[in-house]
Amino acid sequence: MITVTAFRWVPPFAQGLVRDHRVRWALEEVGLPYQEKLISVGPEDQASEAYRRLQPFGQVPVYEEDGLTLFESGAIVLHIAEKSEVLMPREPAARARAITWMFAALNSIEPHIQNFTAIDIFFANEEWAKLRRPSALQMAEKRLDELATWMKGREWLEDRFTAGDLLMVSVLRILRHTNLVAARPELEAYRQRGEARPAFQKALADQLAPFAKYAPPRT
């Protein structure tokens, strides 16, 4: 049985965005059952020596399958995608293009989106962040504009949904605290198509369920 490590609870700003969702989504798309292993944020689980032997950086998810242990959501999604044509075309050129878009989502788009989002969510009141935000926003918008140009007249990044789309839609969702995606109709429609997929919805519900169950009491 495949096991996916996920957090027991995270603050609301992160709920639905923690990267185990990408892995859950991929597993749902290809129809592979899995079990979740919930851990807590902090020294008890996340920073423990036992967990660091599985994930050197203390992040989630960790993927375990028949003695194989993987970390990094992109690598895990690629591993899952290789199991089914649903996410990874078998034709060599189409496969190479799908992998190219996986790397593009994680290397060309996500760092700039994550940089901008971190400034807004974690450092908004810091003086350095106020100075850095305009240039971070400019770079994020540049990448979004370039992606929007590619998406004109397209339903998916290539001729059908692949693991590249799964990661790209996941990355665009990081900006949900802004209107940056909504302001670009091609990207907003693309994001909505990805989120409408039953596998996405199932993965999201499964990630959110523990957050509701283990939410700390309100004070």
C-alpha atoms as a PDB file:
ATOM      1  CA  MET A   1       0.000   0.000   0.000  1.00  0.00           C
ATOM      2  CA  ILE A   2       1.232   3.479  -0.858  1.00  0.00           C
ATOM      3  CA  THR A   3       1.621   5.809   2.136  1.00  0.00           C
ATOM      4  CA  VAL A   4       1.646   9.593   1.852  1.00  0.00           C
ATOM      5  CA  THR A   5       2.745  11.743   4.775  1.00  0.00           C
ATOM      6  CA  ALA A   6       0.725  14.896   5.410  1.00  0.00           C
ATOM      7  CA  PHE A   7       0.292  17.421   8.183  1.00  0.00           C
ATOM      8  CA  ARG A   8      -2.388  16.856  10.777  1.00  0.00           C
ATOM      9  CA  TRP A   9      -3.192  20.581  10.814  1.00  0.00           C
ATOM     10  CA  VAL A  10      -1.912  23.796   9.260  1.00  0.00           C
ATOM     11  CA  PRO A  11      -3.172  27.396   9.490  1.00  0.00           C
ATOM     12  CA  PRO A  12      -6.034  28.367   7.155  1.00  0.00           C
ATOM     13  CA  PHE A  13      -3.797  30.280   4.722  1.00  0.00           C
ATOM     14  CA  ALA A  14      -2.040  26.999   3.870  1.00  0.00           C
ATOM     15  CA  GLN A  15      -5.008  24.650   3.867  1.00  0.00           C
ATOM     16  CA  GLY A  16      -5.556  23.244   0.395  1.00  0.00           C
ATOM     17  CA  LEU A  17      -2.089  24.333  -0.711  1.00  0.00           C
ATOM     18  CA  VAL A  18       0.195  21.959   1.193  1.00  0.00           C
ATOM     19  CA  ARG A  19       2.089  19.954  -1.377  1.00  0.00           C
ATOM     20  CA  ASP A  20       0.739  16.558  -0.398  1.00  0.00           C
ATOM     21  CA  HIS A  21      -2.362  17.690  -2.312  1.00  0.00           C
ATOM     22  CA  ARG A  22      -0.439  17.425  -5.581  1.00  0.00           C
ATOM     23  CA  VAL A  23       0.509  13.862  -4.773  1.00  0.00           C
ATOM     24  CA  ARG A  24      -3.012  12.943  -3.660  1.00  0.00           C
ATOM     25  CA  TRP A  25      -4.363  14.464  -6.888  1.00  0.00           C
ATOM     26  CA  ALA A  26      -1.955  12.438  -9.020  1.00  0.00           C
ATOM     27  CA  LEU A  27      -2.867   9.229  -7.201  1.00  0.00           C
ATOM     28  CA  GLU A  28      -6.570   9.932  -7.689  1.00  0.00           C
ATOM     29  CA  GLU A  29      -6.064  10.633 -11.400  1.00  0.00           C
ATOM     30  CA  VAL A  30      -4.375   7.286 -12.005  1.00  0.00           C
ATOM     31  CA  GLY A  31      -6.639   5.373  -9.622  1.00  0.00           C
ATOM     32  CA  LEU A  32      -4.041   4.208  -7.111  1.00  0.00           C
ATOM     33  CA  PRO A  33      -5.217   3.710  -3.525  1.00  0.00           C
ATOM     34  CA  TYR A  34      -3.107   5.085  -0.703  1.00  0.00           C
ATOM     35  CA  GLN A  35      -3.158   5.700   3.005  1.00  0.00           C
ATOM     36  CA  GLU A  36      -2.210   8.925   4.716  1.00  0.00           C
ATOM     37  CA  LYS A  37       0.214   9.185   7.626  1.00  0.00           C
ATOM     38  CA  LEU A  38      -0.462  12.361   9.557  1.00  0.00           C
ATOM     39  CA  ILE A  39       2.307  14.187  11.385  1.00  0.00           C
ATOM     40  CA  SER A  40       2.395  17.340  13.467  1.00  0.00           C
ATOM     41  CA  VAL A  41       4.326  20.496  12.681  1.00  0.00           C
ATOM     42  CA  GLY A  42       7.245  20.956  15.044  1.00  0.00           C
ATOM     43  CA  PRO A  43       9.815  18.907  16.970  1.00  0.00           C
ATOM     44  CA  GLU A  44       7.625  15.944  17.881  1.00  0.00           C
ATOM     45  CA  ASP A  45       7.174  14.699  14.309  1.00  0.00           C
ATOM     46  CA  GLN A  46       8.367  17.068  11.599  1.00  0.00           C
ATOM     47  CA  ALA A  47      11.766  17.806  13.125  1.00  0.00           C
ATOM     48  CA  SER A  48      12.345  14.373  14.621  1.00  0.00           C
ATOM     49  CA  GLU A  49      15.402  12.333  13.689  1.00  0.00           C
ATOM     50  CA  ALA A  50      13.176   9.520  12.421  1.00  0.00           C
ATOM     51  CA  TYR A  51      11.308  11.807  10.045  1.00  0.00           C
ATOM     52  CA  ARG A  52      14.479  13.526   8.830  1.00  0.00           C
ATOM     53  CA  ARG A  53      15.763  10.145   7.746  1.00  0.00           C
ATOM     54  CA  LEU A  54      12.800  10.052   5.351  1.00  0.00           C
ATOM     55  CA  GLN A  55      12.728  13.752   4.435  1.00  0.00           C
ATOM     56  CA  PRO A  56      16.001  15.600   5.060  1.00  0.00           C
ATOM     57  CA  PHE A  57      14.276  19.003   5.085  1.00  0.00           C
ATOM     58  CA  GLY A  58      11.331  18.061   7.282  1.00  0.00           C
ATOM     59  CA  GLN A  59       8.730  18.862   4.644  1.00  0.00           C
ATOM     60  CA  VAL A  60       5.694  16.972   3.407  1.00  0.00           C
ATOM     61  CA  PRO A  61       4.885  14.874   1.563  1.00  0.00           C
ATOM     62  CA  VAL A  62       6.900  11.724   1.956  1.00  0.00           C
ATOM     63  CA  TYR A  63       5.866   8.907  -0.379  1.00  0.00           C
ATOM     64  CA  GLU A  64       6.479   5.288   0.603  1.00  0.00           C
ATOM     65  CA  GLU A  65       5.785   2.294  -1.633  1.00  0.00           C
ATOM     66  CA  ASP A  66       7.196  -1.235  -1.374  1.00  0.00           C
ATOM     67  CA  GLY A  67      10.444  -0.153   0.235  1.00  0.00           C
ATOM     68  CA  LEU A  68      10.818   2.954  -1.946  1.00  0.00           C
ATOM     69  CA  THR A  69      10.840   6.304  -0.159  1.00  0.00           C
ATOM     70  CA  LEU A  70      10.561   9.545  -2.113  1.00  0.00           C
ATOM     71  CA  PHE A  71      10.355  13.209  -1.208  1.00  0.00           C
ATOM     72  CA  GLU A  72       9.808  16.402  -3.248  1.00  0.00           C
ATOM     73  CA  SER A  73       6.306  16.659  -4.688  1.00  0.00           C
ATOM     74  CA  GLY A  74       7.495  17.074  -8.274  1.00  0.00           C
ATOM     75  CA  ALA A  75       9.583  13.916  -8.144  1.00  0.00           C
ATOM     76  CA  ILE A  76       6.711  12.011  -6.554  1.00  0.00           C
ATOM     77  CA  VAL A  77       4.210  13.213  -9.162  1.00  0.00           C
ATOM     78  CA  LEU A  78       6.616  12.159 -11.918  1.00  0.00           C
ATOM     79  CA  HIS A  79       6.971   8.711 -10.333  1.00  0.00           C
ATOM     80  CA  ILE A  80       3.193   8.338 -10.157  1.00  0.00           C
ATOM     81  CA  ALA A  81       2.683   9.713 -13.674  1.00  0.00           C
ATOM     82  CA  GLU A  82       5.031   7.118 -15.119  1.00  0.00           C
ATOM     83  CA  LYS A  83       2.578   4.443 -13.977  1.00  0.00           C
ATOM     84  CA  SER A  84      -0.302   5.553 -16.214  1.00  0.00           C
ATOM     85  CA  GLU A  85      -1.025   7.185 -19.532  1.00  0.00           C
ATOM     86  CA  VAL A  86      -3.624   9.280 -17.748  1.00  0.00           C
ATOM     87  CA  LEU A  87      -0.851  11.638 -16.628  1.00  0.00           C
ATOM     88  CA  MET A  88       2.066  10.714 -18.877  1.00  0.00           C
ATOM     89  CA  PRO A  89       1.774  10.068 -22.628  1.00  0.00           C
ATOM     90  CA  ARG A  90       3.636   7.026 -23.895  1.00  0.00           C
ATOM     91  CA  GLU A  91       4.653   8.603 -27.211  1.00  0.00           C
ATOM     92  CA  PRO A  92       8.241   9.806 -26.616  1.00  0.00           C
ATOM     93  CA  ALA A  93       7.874  13.378 -27.856  1.00  0.00           C
ATOM     94  CA  ALA A  94       4.600  13.924 -25.987  1.00  0.00           C
ATOM     95  CA  ARG A  95       6.144  12.429 -22.852  1.00  0.00           C
ATOM     96  CA  ALA A  96       9.129  14.754 -23.125  1.00  0.00           C
ATOM     97  CA  ARG A  97       6.818  17.761 -23.499  1.00  0.00           C
ATOM     98  CA  ALA A  98       4.799  16.753 -20.445  1.00  0.00           C
ATOM     99  CA  ILE A  99       7.973  16.495 -18.384  1.00  0.00           C
ATOM    100  CA  THR A 100       9.147  19.847 -19.748  1.00  0.00           C
ATOM    101  CA  TRP A 101       5.972  21.472 -18.445  1.00  0.00           C
ATOM    102  CA  MET A 102       6.432  19.805 -15.063  1.00  0.00           C
ATOM    103  CA  PHE A 103       9.833  21.459 -14.797  1.00  0.00           C
ATOM    104  CA  ALA A 104       8.421  24.755 -16.073  1.00  0.00           C
ATOM    105  CA  ALA A 105       5.738  24.775 -13.374  1.00  0.00           C
ATOM    106  CA  LEU A 106       8.261  24.120 -10.615  1.00  0.00           C
ATOM    107  CA  ASN A 107      11.218  26.145 -11.924  1.00  0.00           C
ATOM    108  CA  SER A 108       9.945  28.960 -14.144  1.00  0.00           C
ATOM    109  CA  ILE A 109       6.649  29.785 -12.432  1.00  0.00           C
ATOM    110  CA  GLU A 110       6.520  28.584  -8.822  1.00  0.00           C
ATOM    111  CA  PRO A 111       9.642  30.313  -7.410  1.00  0.00           C
ATOM    112  CA  HIS A 112       8.384  33.742  -8.449  1.00  0.00           C
ATOM    113  CA  ILE A 113       4.852  33.071  -7.241  1.00  0.00           C
ATOM    114  CA  GLN A 114       6.108  31.644  -3.960  1.00  0.00           C
ATOM    115  CA  ASN A 115       8.488  34.557  -3.437  1.00  0.00           C
ATOM    116  CA  PHE A 116       5.691  37.075  -3.913  1.00  0.00           C
ATOM    117  CA  THR A 117       3.264  35.103  -1.751  1.00  0.00           C
ATOM    118  CA  ALA A 118       5.763  34.726   1.091  1.00  0.00           C
ATOM    119  CA  ILE A 119       6.251  38.489   1.170  1.00  0.00           C
ATOM    120  CA  ASP A 120       2.494  39.053   1.392  1.00  0.00           C
ATOM    121  CA  ILE A 121       1.710  36.384   3.963  1.00  0.00           C
ATOM    122  CA  PHE A 122       4.764  36.157   6.199  1.00  0.00           C
ATOM    123  CA  PHE A 123       6.640  39.453   5.923  1.00  0.00           C
ATOM    124  CA  ALA A 124       4.099  42.110   4.906  1.00  0.00           C
ATOM    125  CA  ASN A 125       4.957  44.398   7.835  1.00  0.00           C
ATOM    126  CA  GLU A 126       8.715  44.172   7.402  1.00  0.00           C
ATOM    127  CA  GLU A 127      10.341  47.244   5.901  1.00  0.00           C
ATOM    128  CA  TRP A 128      12.500  45.176   3.548  1.00  0.00           C
ATOM    129  CA  ALA A 129       9.392  43.368   2.275  1.00  0.00           C
ATOM    130  CA  LYS A 130       7.648  46.652   1.465  1.00  0.00           C
ATOM    131  CA  LEU A 131      10.662  47.600  -0.626  1.00  0.00           C
ATOM    132  CA  ARG A 132      10.956  44.175  -2.258  1.00  0.00           C
ATOM    133  CA  ARG A 133       7.265  43.605  -3.035  1.00  0.00           C
ATOM    134  CA  PRO A 134       6.970  45.755  -6.206  1.00  0.00           C
ATOM    135  CA  SER A 135       9.804  43.950  -7.986  1.00  0.00           C
ATOM    136  CA  ALA A 136       8.560  40.547  -6.770  1.00  0.00           C
ATOM    137  CA  LEU A 137       5.107  41.366  -8.092  1.00  0.00           C
ATOM    138  CA  GLN A 138       6.556  42.525 -11.398  1.00  0.00           C
ATOM    139  CA  MET A 139       8.431  39.261 -11.888  1.00  0.00           C
ATOM    140  CA  ALA A 140       5.421  37.147 -10.941  1.00  0.00           C
ATOM    141  CA  GLU A 141       3.215  39.090 -13.350  1.00  0.00           C
ATOM    142  CA  LYS A 142       5.768  38.721 -16.122  1.00  0.00           C
ATOM    143  CA  ARG A 143       5.729  34.947 -15.776  1.00  0.00           C
ATOM    144  CA  LEU A 144       1.919  34.876 -15.578  1.00  0.00           C
ATOM    145  CA  ASP A 145       1.639  37.009 -18.711  1.00  0.00           C
ATOM    146  CA  GLU A 146       3.972  34.693 -20.570  1.00  0.00           C
ATOM    147  CA  LEU A 147       1.982  31.659 -19.486  1.00  0.00           C
ATOM    148  CA  ALA A 148      -1.289  33.382 -20.409  1.00  0.00           C
ATOM    149  CA  THR A 149       0.060  34.056 -23.882  1.00  0.00           C
ATOM    150  CA  TRP A 150       0.851  30.359 -24.283  1.00  0.00           C
ATOM    151  CA  MET A 151      -2.615  29.368 -23.076  1.00  0.00           C
ATOM    152  CA  LYS A 152      -4.524  31.470 -25.611  1.00  0.00           C
ATOM    153  CA  GLY A 153      -6.756  29.121 -27.585  1.00  0.00           C
ATOM    154  CA  ARG A 154      -5.626  26.108 -25.530  1.00  0.00           C
ATOM    155  CA  GLU A 155      -7.479  23.940 -23.063  1.00  0.00           C
ATOM    156  CA  TRP A 156      -4.339  22.393 -21.579  1.00  0.00           C
ATOM    157  CA  LEU A 157      -0.627  23.107 -21.887  1.00  0.00           C
ATOM    158  CA  GLU A 158      -0.381  20.562 -24.697  1.00  0.00           C
ATOM    159  CA  ASP A 159      -3.081  18.617 -26.535  1.00  0.00           C
ATOM    160  CA  ARG A 160      -4.445  16.945 -23.401  1.00  0.00           C
ATOM    161  CA  PHE A 161      -4.226  16.985 -19.602  1.00  0.00           C
ATOM    162  CA  THR A 162      -0.921  15.652 -18.238  1.00  0.00           C
ATOM    163  CA  ALA A 163       1.174  15.790 -15.093  1.00  0.00           C
ATOM    164  CA  GLY A 164       2.454  19.122 -16.377  1.00  0.00           C
ATOM    165  CA  ASP A 165      -1.031  20.580 -16.034  1.00  0.00           C
ATOM    166  CA  LEU A 166      -1.489  19.018 -12.614  1.00  0.00           C
ATOM    167  CA  LEU A 167       1.579  20.825 -11.315  1.00  0.00           C
ATOM    168  CA  MET A 168       0.904  24.068 -13.157  1.00  0.00           C
ATOM    169  CA  VAL A 169      -2.643  24.359 -11.823  1.00  0.00           C
ATOM    170  CA  SER A 170      -1.339  23.547  -8.343  1.00  0.00           C
ATOM    171  CA  VAL A 171       1.180  26.364  -8.624  1.00  0.00           C
ATOM    172  CA  LEU A 172      -1.362  28.916  -9.860  1.00  0.00           C
ATOM    173  CA  ARG A 173      -3.550  28.165  -6.845  1.00  0.00           C
ATOM    174  CA  ILE A 174      -0.854  29.579  -4.545  1.00  0.00           C
ATOM    175  CA  LEU A 175      -2.003  33.052  -5.654  1.00  0.00           C
ATOM    176  CA  ARG A 176      -5.535  32.584  -4.359  1.00  0.00           C
ATOM    177  CA  HIS A 177      -5.074  35.503  -1.934  1.00  0.00           C
ATOM    178  CA  THR A 178      -4.756  37.813  -4.961  1.00  0.00           C
ATOM    179  CA  ASN A 179      -6.587  38.521  -8.228  1.00  0.00           C
ATOM    180  CA  LEU A 180      -3.473  37.918 -10.317  1.00  0.00           C
ATOM    181  CA  VAL A 181      -4.801  34.735 -11.909  1.00  0.00           C
ATOM    182  CA  ALA A 182      -8.396  35.953 -12.156  1.00  0.00           C
ATOM    183  CA  ALA A 183      -7.185  39.064 -14.005  1.00  0.00           C
ATOM    184  CA  ARG A 184      -5.917  36.835 -16.806  1.00  0.00           C
ATOM    185  CA  PRO A 185      -8.927  35.064 -18.353  1.00  0.00           C
ATOM    186  CA  GLU A 186      -6.880  32.342 -20.020  1.00  0.00           C
ATOM    187  CA  LEU A 187      -5.263  31.390 -16.728  1.00  0.00           C
ATOM    188  CA  GLU A 188      -8.429  31.682 -14.667  1.00  0.00           C
ATOM    189  CA  ALA A 189     -10.332  29.384 -17.040  1.00  0.00           C
ATOM    190  CA  TYR A 190      -7.384  26.986 -17.053  1.00  0.00           C
ATOM    191  CA  ARG A 191      -7.246  26.906 -13.263  1.00  0.00           C
ATOM    192  CA  GLN A 192     -10.982  26.300 -13.062  1.00  0.00           C
ATOM    193  CA  ARG A 193     -10.759  23.406 -15.524  1.00  0.00           C
ATOM    194  CA  GLY A 194      -8.103  21.769 -13.395  1.00  0.00           C
ATOM    195  CA  GLU A 195     -10.018  22.281 -10.176  1.00  0.00           C
ATOM    196  CA  ALA A 196     -13.209  20.887 -11.736  1.00  0.00           C
ATOM    197  CA  ARG A 197     -11.608  17.493 -12.265  1.00  0.00           C
ATOM    198  CA  PRO A 198     -13.106  14.869  -9.916  1.00  0.00           C
ATOM    199  CA  ALA A 199      -9.642  13.678  -8.895  1.00  0.00           C
ATOM    200  CA  PHE A 200      -8.726  17.209  -7.808  1.00  0.00           C
ATOM    201  CA  GLN A 201     -11.901  17.553  -5.756  1.00  0.00           C
ATOM    202  CA  LYS A 202     -11.399  14.193  -4.046  1.00  0.00           C
ATOM    203  CA  ALA A 203      -7.774  14.987  -3.207  1.00  0.00           C
ATOM    204  CA  LEU A 204      -8.725  18.376  -1.806  1.00  0.00           C
ATOM    205  CA  ALA A 205     -11.483  16.963   0.375  1.00  0.00           C
ATOM    206  CA  ASP A 206      -9.153  14.294   1.721  1.00  0.00           C
ATOM    207  CA  GLN A 207      -6.476  16.830   2.586  1.00  0.00           C
ATOM    208  CA  LEU A 208      -8.912  19.199   4.294  1.00  0.00           C
ATOM    209  CA  ALA A 209     -10.658  16.545   6.384  1.00  0.00           C
ATOM    210  CA  PRO A 210      -7.892  16.169   9.019  1.00  0.00           C
ATOM    211  CA  PHE A 211      -7.536  19.951   9.290  1.00  0.00           C
ATOM    212  CA  ALA A 212     -11.145  20.173  10.400  1.00  0.00           C
ATOM    213  CA  LYS A 213     -10.802  17.199  12.732  1.00  0.00           C
ATOM    214  CA  TYR A 214      -7.617  18.388  14.455  1.00  0.00           C
ATOM    215  CA  ALA A 215      -8.208  22.132  14.419  1.00  0.00           C
ATOM    216  CA  PRO A 216      -7.089  23.714  17.700  1.00  0.00           C
ATOM    217  CA  PRO A 217      -9.857  25.019  19.926  1.00  0.00           C
ATOM    218  CA  ARG A 218     -10.782  28.648  19.431  1.00  0.00           C
ATOM    219  CA  THR A 219      -9.774  30.986  22.204  1.00  0.00           C
END
